[in-house]
């Protein structure tokens, strides 16, 4: 990681004579970029996830499907800014009661945290659902944006402890969520009879929806012939990122790049393909590039490279004359656009392939049900969905 920024800078030195990535077949020179992000449109979603031993299948599904869920939410006509967070919970006496991953537009970092969670503990009935919901409402950095669609998705299979006398109970916690404008949905995994009436009540109190799915989640997870190429293109797109700024800002960029390295190492090929498709959307581009990314900031007009102090540029760029800096950045943008275009093309082919593979059961899948929830609940915030779920 310590050489990443230098390595990217060296790429910029030779960008004018780049040999195009072998998978690229398009010879177009027109810069292709996702449509602009609508900064007034926002989605904030926190998953409250039971991570006890019985939830192993669901956790594995979440690791595979989180990018599809993000892409589904990105399909709104208004290209929303998407933030996700996570509250993992078990019970008192386990290795932890809750662990909170705060809301962030940097979905790579959120996903890297998700990769650390494994099913363990539990096995004795009720879990610390109340504490988890409390932390989701009160320990997460929800925005004050009145136009933001804000939602909690409680996912678990066991009812809450109602015998812990020193904690608030879910009716009061869900009421606090609603007072903040946060809708609370409840997804029951499996069919534990004691869980059903409580999950149903949580959804009712939270002005949300109740779903019951099989223990592993019931999401569609189909590998396609396009996944390997999409994953490889995605890694190449990652390598076009070049960050600038103060030492502190560059340290934050290094942390973001480290999260990407982790997911490239640990995530499945299919999951990395789904991430590629998300990153090709306007919402995904905002997540992928983040803050102080040189190419995006120059292309958008937010900054002129000639105005950036040399000390804040990637090291190899510092020694170039100003006109050569501009040429190198233009070459980098051209390569990035070609990668984005090819990802979009392959993503469309993947969609066509899946349309032919999915059977009637997909209509009742978790993917479809989550899409319907988001479509319905985000509509009052001006977010319009008509493209259907992404798989």
Protein backbone atom coordinates (compact mmCIF):
# COMPACT_ATOMS: atom_id res chain seq x y z
CA UNK A 1 0.00 0.00 0.00
CA UNK A 2 2.79 2.47 0.74
CA UNK A 3 3.79 2.46 -2.91
CA UNK A 4 0.26 2.77 -4.31
CA UNK A 5 0.18 6.52 -4.81
CA UNK A 6 3.67 6.52 -6.28
CA UNK A 7 2.75 3.69 -8.61
CA UNK A 8 -0.34 5.51 -9.78
CA UNK A 9 1.69 8.62 -10.34
CA UNK A 10 4.15 6.68 -12.47
CA UNK A 11 1.21 5.53 -14.55
CA UNK A 12 0.40 9.18 -15.16
CA UNK A 13 3.93 9.81 -16.44
CA UNK A 14 3.46 7.29 -19.21
CA UNK A 15 -0.27 7.75 -19.76
CA UNK A 16 0.16 9.37 -23.14
CA UNK A 17 1.55 6.11 -24.53
CA UNK A 18 -0.66 3.66 -22.61
CA UNK A 19 -1.26 0.28 -24.26
CA UNK A 20 -4.95 -0.33 -23.87
CA UNK A 21 -6.09 -3.04 -21.55
CA UNK A 22 -6.38 -6.30 -23.58
CA UNK A 23 -10.06 -6.81 -22.80
CA UNK A 24 -10.98 -3.42 -24.22
CA UNK A 25 -12.44 -3.74 -27.69
CA UNK A 26 -13.87 -0.29 -28.19
CA UNK A 27 -11.77 2.22 -30.11
CA UNK A 28 -14.00 5.18 -29.27
CA UNK A 29 -12.19 8.30 -28.15
CA UNK A 30 -15.24 10.14 -26.82
CA UNK A 31 -15.08 10.45 -23.06
CA UNK A 32 -17.86 8.39 -21.54
CA UNK A 33 -18.81 9.15 -17.97
CA UNK A 34 -21.77 8.21 -15.79
CA UNK A 35 -24.52 10.84 -15.62
CA UNK A 36 -23.97 13.44 -12.91
CA UNK A 37 -24.86 12.64 -9.33
CA UNK A 38 -27.92 14.47 -8.03
CA UNK A 39 -26.51 15.80 -4.78
CA UNK A 40 -29.97 16.63 -3.49
CA UNK A 41 -31.09 13.01 -3.71
CA UNK A 42 -29.80 10.76 -0.97
CA UNK A 43 -30.30 7.25 0.37
CA UNK A 44 -29.09 6.18 3.82
CA UNK A 45 -29.57 2.53 4.73
CA UNK A 46 -28.35 0.65 7.80
CA UNK A 47 -28.54 -3.13 8.02
CA UNK A 48 -28.99 -4.48 11.56
CA UNK A 49 -27.69 -8.00 11.17
CA UNK A 50 -27.80 -10.96 13.53
CA UNK A 51 -24.33 -12.58 13.36
CA UNK A 52 -24.93 -15.57 15.65
CA UNK A 53 -24.18 -19.10 14.53
CA UNK A 54 -27.49 -19.80 12.82
CA UNK A 55 -27.00 -16.85 10.45
CA UNK A 56 -24.01 -18.18 8.51
CA UNK A 57 -25.91 -18.62 5.27
CA UNK A 58 -27.43 -15.15 5.39
CA UNK A 59 -24.08 -13.50 6.16
CA UNK A 60 -22.54 -15.29 3.18
CA UNK A 61 -25.42 -14.08 1.03
CA UNK A 62 -24.95 -10.51 2.24
CA UNK A 63 -21.29 -10.62 1.24
CA UNK A 64 -22.31 -11.76 -2.23
CA UNK A 65 -25.29 -9.49 -2.74
CA UNK A 66 -24.52 -6.13 -1.12
CA UNK A 67 -23.30 -4.68 -4.45
CA UNK A 68 -26.48 -5.79 -6.22
CA UNK A 69 -28.51 -4.12 -3.49
CA UNK A 70 -26.48 -0.94 -3.92
CA UNK A 71 -26.95 -1.06 -7.71
CA UNK A 72 -30.68 -1.55 -7.27
CA UNK A 73 -30.84 1.58 -5.10
CA UNK A 74 -28.69 3.47 -7.63
CA UNK A 75 -31.27 2.86 -10.39
CA UNK A 76 -33.41 5.81 -9.31
CA UNK A 77 -33.89 8.32 -12.09
CA UNK A 78 -32.34 10.98 -9.85
CA UNK A 79 -28.95 9.21 -9.31
CA UNK A 80 -28.89 9.43 -5.50
CA UNK A 81 -25.89 9.62 -3.24
CA UNK A 82 -25.88 6.29 -1.38
CA UNK A 83 -24.60 5.70 2.13
CA UNK A 84 -24.66 2.36 3.90
CA UNK A 85 -23.96 1.28 7.45
CA UNK A 86 -24.08 -1.89 9.49
CA UNK A 87 -24.86 -2.92 13.06
CA UNK A 88 -23.83 -6.50 13.75
CA UNK A 89 -25.29 -8.02 16.90
CA UNK A 90 -25.17 -11.13 19.03
CA UNK A 91 -26.00 -11.29 22.74
CA UNK A 92 -24.58 -10.70 26.17
CA UNK A 93 -22.01 -13.34 26.94
CA UNK A 94 -20.90 -13.64 23.30
CA UNK A 95 -17.67 -12.12 21.99
CA UNK A 96 -19.55 -8.86 21.41
CA UNK A 97 -23.05 -7.51 21.83
CA UNK A 98 -22.98 -5.03 18.94
CA UNK A 99 -20.45 -3.68 16.48
CA UNK A 100 -21.33 -0.50 14.59
CA UNK A 101 -20.04 0.39 11.12
CA UNK A 102 -21.14 3.98 10.59
CA UNK A 103 -22.91 5.25 7.50
CA UNK A 104 -20.51 6.03 4.69
CA UNK A 105 -20.59 6.80 0.98
CA UNK A 106 -17.36 4.77 0.75
CA UNK A 107 -18.98 1.40 0.15
CA UNK A 108 -15.62 -0.32 -0.34
CA UNK A 109 -14.76 0.42 3.27
CA UNK A 110 -18.19 -0.68 4.48
CA UNK A 111 -17.85 -3.90 2.48
CA UNK A 112 -14.36 -4.51 3.87
CA UNK A 113 -15.88 -4.34 7.36
CA UNK A 114 -18.65 -6.73 6.34
CA UNK A 115 -16.03 -9.24 5.19
CA UNK A 116 -14.76 -9.47 8.78
CA UNK A 117 -18.06 -10.73 10.16
CA UNK A 118 -18.69 -14.45 10.57
CA UNK A 119 -21.49 -16.35 12.25
CA UNK A 120 -20.71 -17.47 15.79
CA UNK A 121 -22.20 -17.57 19.27
CA UNK A 122 -25.90 -17.56 20.07
CA UNK A 123 -27.73 -20.87 20.21
CA UNK A 124 -29.73 -20.00 23.30
CA UNK A 125 -32.80 -18.31 21.93
CA UNK A 126 -33.36 -14.53 22.19
CA UNK A 127 -30.60 -12.11 21.12
CA UNK A 128 -29.74 -8.47 21.82
CA UNK A 129 -32.10 -7.08 19.18
CA UNK A 130 -33.10 -4.12 21.33
CA UNK A 131 -29.51 -2.99 21.82
CA UNK A 132 -28.81 -3.37 18.10
CA UNK A 133 -31.81 -1.27 17.11
CA UNK A 134 -30.88 1.34 19.70
CA UNK A 135 -27.35 1.60 18.30
CA UNK A 136 -28.67 1.84 14.73
CA UNK A 137 -30.85 4.80 15.70
CA UNK A 138 -28.52 6.60 18.12
CA UNK A 139 -24.92 5.63 17.27
CA UNK A 140 -25.10 6.06 13.51
CA UNK A 141 -24.42 9.44 11.85
CA UNK A 142 -27.75 9.96 10.09
CA UNK A 143 -27.85 13.16 8.05
CA UNK A 144 -30.26 16.03 8.64
CA UNK A 145 -31.20 16.10 4.96
CA UNK A 146 -35.03 16.17 4.82
CA UNK A 147 -34.92 14.78 1.27
CA UNK A 148 -32.94 11.69 2.27
CA UNK A 149 -34.62 8.30 2.25
CA UNK A 150 -33.48 6.80 5.56
CA UNK A 151 -34.20 3.20 6.47
CA UNK A 152 -33.16 0.43 8.81
CA UNK A 153 -33.39 -3.20 7.73
CA UNK A 154 -33.44 -5.54 10.73
CA UNK A 155 -32.32 -9.01 9.62
CA UNK A 156 -32.40 -11.96 12.03
CA UNK A 157 -34.06 -15.16 13.12
CA UNK A 158 -34.46 -14.93 16.91
CA UNK A 159 -36.65 -12.62 19.03
CA UNK A 160 -35.24 -9.93 21.31
CA UNK A 161 -34.48 -10.31 24.99
CA UNK A 162 -37.34 -8.57 26.77
CA UNK A 163 -36.02 -9.59 30.19
CA UNK A 164 -33.02 -7.22 30.24
CA UNK A 165 -34.26 -4.59 32.68
CA UNK A 166 -31.49 -2.07 32.00
CA UNK A 167 -32.21 -1.37 28.32
CA UNK A 168 -34.92 0.28 26.24
CA UNK A 169 -37.29 -2.03 24.41
CA UNK A 170 -38.04 -2.00 20.72
CA UNK A 171 -41.37 -0.05 20.83
CA UNK A 172 -39.64 3.02 22.30
CA UNK A 173 -36.59 2.60 20.06
CA UNK A 174 -38.64 2.30 16.88
CA UNK A 175 -40.70 5.33 17.94
CA UNK A 176 -37.46 7.30 18.26
CA UNK A 177 -36.48 6.18 14.76
CA UNK A 178 -39.76 7.34 13.29
CA UNK A 179 -39.42 10.71 15.03
CA UNK A 180 -36.16 11.13 13.13
CA UNK A 181 -37.76 10.15 9.83
CA UNK A 182 -36.13 6.71 9.73
CA UNK A 183 -38.31 3.84 8.53
CA UNK A 184 -37.73 0.42 10.11
CA UNK A 185 -38.17 -2.78 8.10
CA UNK A 186 -37.92 -6.30 9.52
CA UNK A 187 -36.69 -9.35 7.61
CA UNK A 188 -37.19 -12.64 9.41
CA UNK A 189 -34.85 -15.45 8.38
CA UNK A 190 -36.34 -18.90 8.90
CA UNK A 191 -39.59 -19.59 10.70
CA UNK A 192 -39.06 -19.36 14.45
CA UNK A 193 -42.63 -18.87 15.67
CA UNK A 194 -41.70 -16.52 18.55
CA UNK A 195 -39.96 -14.14 16.14
CA UNK A 196 -42.79 -13.59 13.69
CA UNK A 197 -45.19 -11.45 15.80
CA UNK A 198 -42.36 -9.26 17.09
CA UNK A 199 -40.79 -8.69 13.67
CA UNK A 200 -44.25 -7.89 12.32
CA UNK A 201 -44.86 -5.39 15.10
CA UNK A 202 -41.45 -3.75 14.61
CA UNK A 203 -42.24 -3.20 10.94
CA UNK A 204 -45.70 -1.85 11.74
CA UNK A 205 -44.39 0.56 14.38
CA UNK A 206 -41.55 1.60 12.07
CA UNK A 207 -43.84 2.34 9.11
CA UNK A 208 -41.89 -0.34 7.30
CA UNK A 209 -42.37 -3.75 5.76
CA UNK A 210 -42.12 -7.25 7.18
CA UNK A 211 -40.60 -10.03 5.08
CA UNK A 212 -40.05 -13.69 5.86
CA UNK A 213 -37.32 -15.44 3.88
CA UNK A 214 -35.55 -18.76 4.06
CA UNK A 215 -32.69 -19.04 6.56
CA UNK A 216 -30.01 -18.21 3.98
CA UNK A 217 -31.91 -15.18 2.71
CA UNK A 218 -33.45 -16.35 -0.55
CA UNK A 219 -31.50 -13.98 -2.78
CA UNK A 220 -30.61 -14.82 -6.38
CA UNK A 221 -26.92 -15.58 -6.79
CA UNK A 222 -26.15 -16.69 -10.35
CA UNK A 223 -22.63 -16.71 -11.76
CA UNK A 224 -22.37 -15.52 -15.37
CA UNK A 225 -19.80 -15.90 -18.18
CA UNK A 226 -19.14 -12.17 -17.93
CA UNK A 227 -18.12 -12.06 -14.26
CA UNK A 228 -14.39 -12.70 -14.68
CA UNK A 229 -13.97 -9.99 -17.31
CA UNK A 230 -16.03 -7.54 -15.25
CA UNK A 231 -13.95 -8.24 -12.14
CA UNK A 232 -10.73 -7.71 -14.10
CA UNK A 233 -12.00 -4.48 -15.65
CA UNK A 234 -13.07 -3.29 -12.22
CA UNK A 235 -9.57 -3.81 -10.85
CA UNK A 236 -8.18 -1.86 -13.80
CA UNK A 237 -10.62 0.98 -13.10
CA UNK A 238 -9.49 0.99 -9.46
CA UNK A 239 -5.92 1.54 -10.63
CA UNK A 240 -6.84 4.79 -12.41
CA UNK A 241 -7.50 6.53 -9.10
CA UNK A 242 -4.96 9.23 -8.28
CA UNK A 243 -5.29 11.19 -5.06
CA UNK A 244 -3.84 14.54 -4.05
CA UNK A 245 -3.85 16.77 -1.00
CA UNK A 246 -2.18 17.23 2.35
CA UNK A 247 -0.44 14.43 4.21
CA UNK A 248 -3.58 13.91 6.31
CA UNK A 249 -5.82 13.77 3.24
CA UNK A 250 -3.48 11.32 1.52
CA UNK A 251 -3.53 9.11 4.61
CA UNK A 252 -7.34 8.95 4.34
CA UNK A 253 -6.98 8.03 0.67
CA UNK A 254 -4.57 5.25 1.59
CA UNK A 255 -7.18 3.85 3.98
CA UNK A 256 -9.75 3.85 1.18
CA UNK A 257 -7.32 2.08 -1.17
CA UNK A 258 -6.52 -0.48 1.52
CA UNK A 259 -10.22 -1.37 1.75
CA UNK A 260 -10.27 -1.92 -2.01
CA UNK A 261 -7.21 -4.16 -1.79
CA UNK A 262 -8.94 -6.22 0.89
CA UNK A 263 -12.08 -6.80 -1.13
CA UNK A 264 -10.07 -7.60 -4.26
CA UNK A 265 -8.30 -10.29 -2.24
CA UNK A 266 -11.28 -11.76 -0.37
CA UNK A 267 -14.43 -11.16 -2.42
CA UNK A 268 -15.65 -13.70 -4.95
CA UNK A 269 -15.36 -13.09 -8.67
CA UNK A 270 -19.14 -12.72 -8.94
CA UNK A 271 -19.21 -10.18 -6.11
CA UNK A 272 -16.43 -8.16 -7.73
CA UNK A 273 -18.37 -8.23 -10.99
CA UNK A 274 -21.44 -6.85 -9.22
CA UNK A 275 -19.25 -4.13 -7.71
CA UNK A 276 -18.02 -3.22 -11.21
CA UNK A 277 -21.59 -2.70 -12.38
CA UNK A 278 -22.40 -0.54 -9.35
CA UNK A 279 -19.26 1.55 -9.87
CA UNK A 280 -20.32 2.26 -13.46
CA UNK A 281 -23.39 4.12 -12.15
CA UNK A 282 -23.30 7.75 -11.06
CA UNK A 283 -23.90 6.70 -7.44
CA UNK A 284 -21.15 4.10 -7.72
CA UNK A 285 -18.65 6.52 -9.18
CA UNK A 286 -19.15 8.80 -6.17
CA UNK A 287 -18.37 5.84 -3.89
CA UNK A 288 -15.42 4.62 -5.94
CA UNK A 289 -13.57 7.90 -6.31
CA UNK A 290 -14.52 9.67 -3.10
CA UNK A 291 -12.82 12.91 -2.14
CA UNK A 292 -9.64 14.50 -3.54
CA UNK A 293 -9.42 12.21 -6.57
CA UNK A 294 -7.38 14.20 -9.07
CA UNK A 295 -8.87 13.04 -12.36
CA UNK A 296 -12.48 13.49 -11.28
CA UNK A 297 -11.82 16.87 -9.75
CA UNK A 298 -10.05 18.14 -12.86
CA UNK A 299 -12.69 16.71 -15.23
CA UNK A 300 -15.54 18.27 -13.23
CA UNK A 301 -13.83 21.65 -13.08
CA UNK A 302 -13.61 21.59 -9.29
CA UNK A 303 -9.87 22.14 -9.49
CA UNK A 304 -7.23 23.20 -11.99
CA UNK A 305 -4.07 21.11 -11.69
CA UNK A 306 -1.96 24.24 -12.18
CA UNK A 307 -3.44 25.67 -8.97
CA UNK A 308 -2.50 22.68 -6.81
CA UNK A 309 0.71 23.15 -4.81
CA UNK A 310 3.44 20.80 -6.02
CA UNK A 311 3.74 19.35 -2.52
CA UNK A 312 0.14 18.08 -2.75
CA UNK A 313 0.50 16.34 -6.11
CA UNK A 314 1.48 12.66 -6.52
CA UNK A 315 5.27 12.64 -6.44
CA UNK A 316 6.05 11.79 -10.11
CA UNK A 317 3.67 14.51 -11.35
CA UNK A 318 5.53 17.16 -9.38
CA UNK A 319 8.52 17.11 -11.73
CA UNK A 320 6.49 17.47 -14.93
CA UNK A 321 5.95 20.84 -16.65
CA UNK A 322 2.39 22.09 -16.27
CA UNK A 323 1.43 21.32 -19.86
CA UNK A 324 2.66 17.74 -19.51
CA UNK A 325 0.70 17.36 -16.28
CA UNK A 326 -2.47 18.35 -18.12
CA UNK A 327 -1.72 15.94 -20.98
CA UNK A 328 -1.08 13.07 -18.59
CA UNK A 329 -4.35 13.74 -16.76
CA UNK A 330 -6.23 13.83 -20.06
CA UNK A 331 -4.74 10.48 -21.05
CA UNK A 332 -5.73 9.03 -17.69
CA UNK A 333 -9.29 10.26 -18.14
CA UNK A 334 -9.45 8.71 -21.61
CA UNK A 335 -8.37 5.32 -20.28
CA UNK A 336 -10.85 5.55 -17.43
CA UNK A 337 -13.70 6.38 -19.82
CA UNK A 338 -12.86 3.37 -21.97
CA UNK A 339 -12.91 1.10 -18.94
CA UNK A 340 -16.23 2.53 -17.78
CA UNK A 341 -17.71 2.09 -21.23
CA UNK A 342 -16.63 -1.54 -21.47
CA UNK A 343 -18.00 -2.28 -17.98
CA UNK A 344 -21.34 -0.76 -19.01
CA UNK A 345 -21.40 -2.88 -22.18
CA UNK A 346 -20.56 -6.10 -20.38
CA UNK A 347 -23.02 -5.26 -17.62
CA UNK A 348 -25.81 -5.01 -20.21
CA UNK A 349 -24.78 -8.38 -21.65
CA UNK A 350 -24.79 -9.85 -18.16
CA UNK A 351 -28.32 -8.52 -17.59
CA UNK A 352 -29.49 -10.15 -20.83
CA UNK A 353 -27.91 -13.44 -19.79
CA UNK A 354 -29.56 -13.35 -16.36
CA UNK A 355 -32.95 -12.56 -17.91
CA UNK A 356 -32.70 -15.88 -19.72
CA UNK A 357 -31.48 -17.81 -16.69
CA UNK A 358 -33.76 -16.64 -13.90
CA UNK A 359 -36.83 -18.74 -13.26
CA UNK A 360 -40.19 -18.00 -11.69
CA UNK A 361 -38.71 -18.27 -8.19
CA UNK A 362 -36.75 -15.07 -8.82
CA UNK A 363 -40.04 -13.16 -8.70
CA UNK A 364 -40.33 -13.94 -4.99
CA UNK A 365 -36.63 -13.52 -4.22
CA UNK A 366 -35.20 -11.22 -1.59
CA UNK A 367 -33.78 -9.08 -4.44
CA UNK A 368 -37.24 -8.36 -5.83
CA UNK A 369 -38.78 -7.77 -2.41
CA UNK A 370 -36.05 -5.31 -1.39
CA UNK A 371 -36.51 -3.46 -4.68
CA UNK A 372 -40.23 -3.13 -4.03
CA UNK A 373 -39.62 -1.83 -0.51
CA UNK A 374 -37.12 0.79 -1.68
CA UNK A 375 -39.31 1.80 -4.64
CA UNK A 376 -42.33 2.33 -2.39
CA UNK A 377 -40.60 3.97 0.57
CA UNK A 378 -38.28 6.26 -1.42
CA UNK A 379 -41.08 7.63 -3.63
CA UNK A 380 -42.14 10.36 -1.14
CA UNK A 381 -38.55 11.63 -1.29
CA UNK A 382 -38.85 12.10 -5.04
CA UNK A 383 -36.89 8.98 -5.99
CA UNK A 384 -38.50 7.18 -8.92
CA UNK A 385 -37.68 3.55 -9.76
CA UNK A 386 -38.79 1.78 -12.91
CA UNK A 387 -35.79 -0.32 -13.98
CA UNK A 388 -36.42 -3.29 -11.69
CA UNK A 389 -34.01 -5.03 -9.31
CA UNK A 390 -30.42 -5.81 -10.13
CA UNK A 391 -29.12 -9.33 -9.57
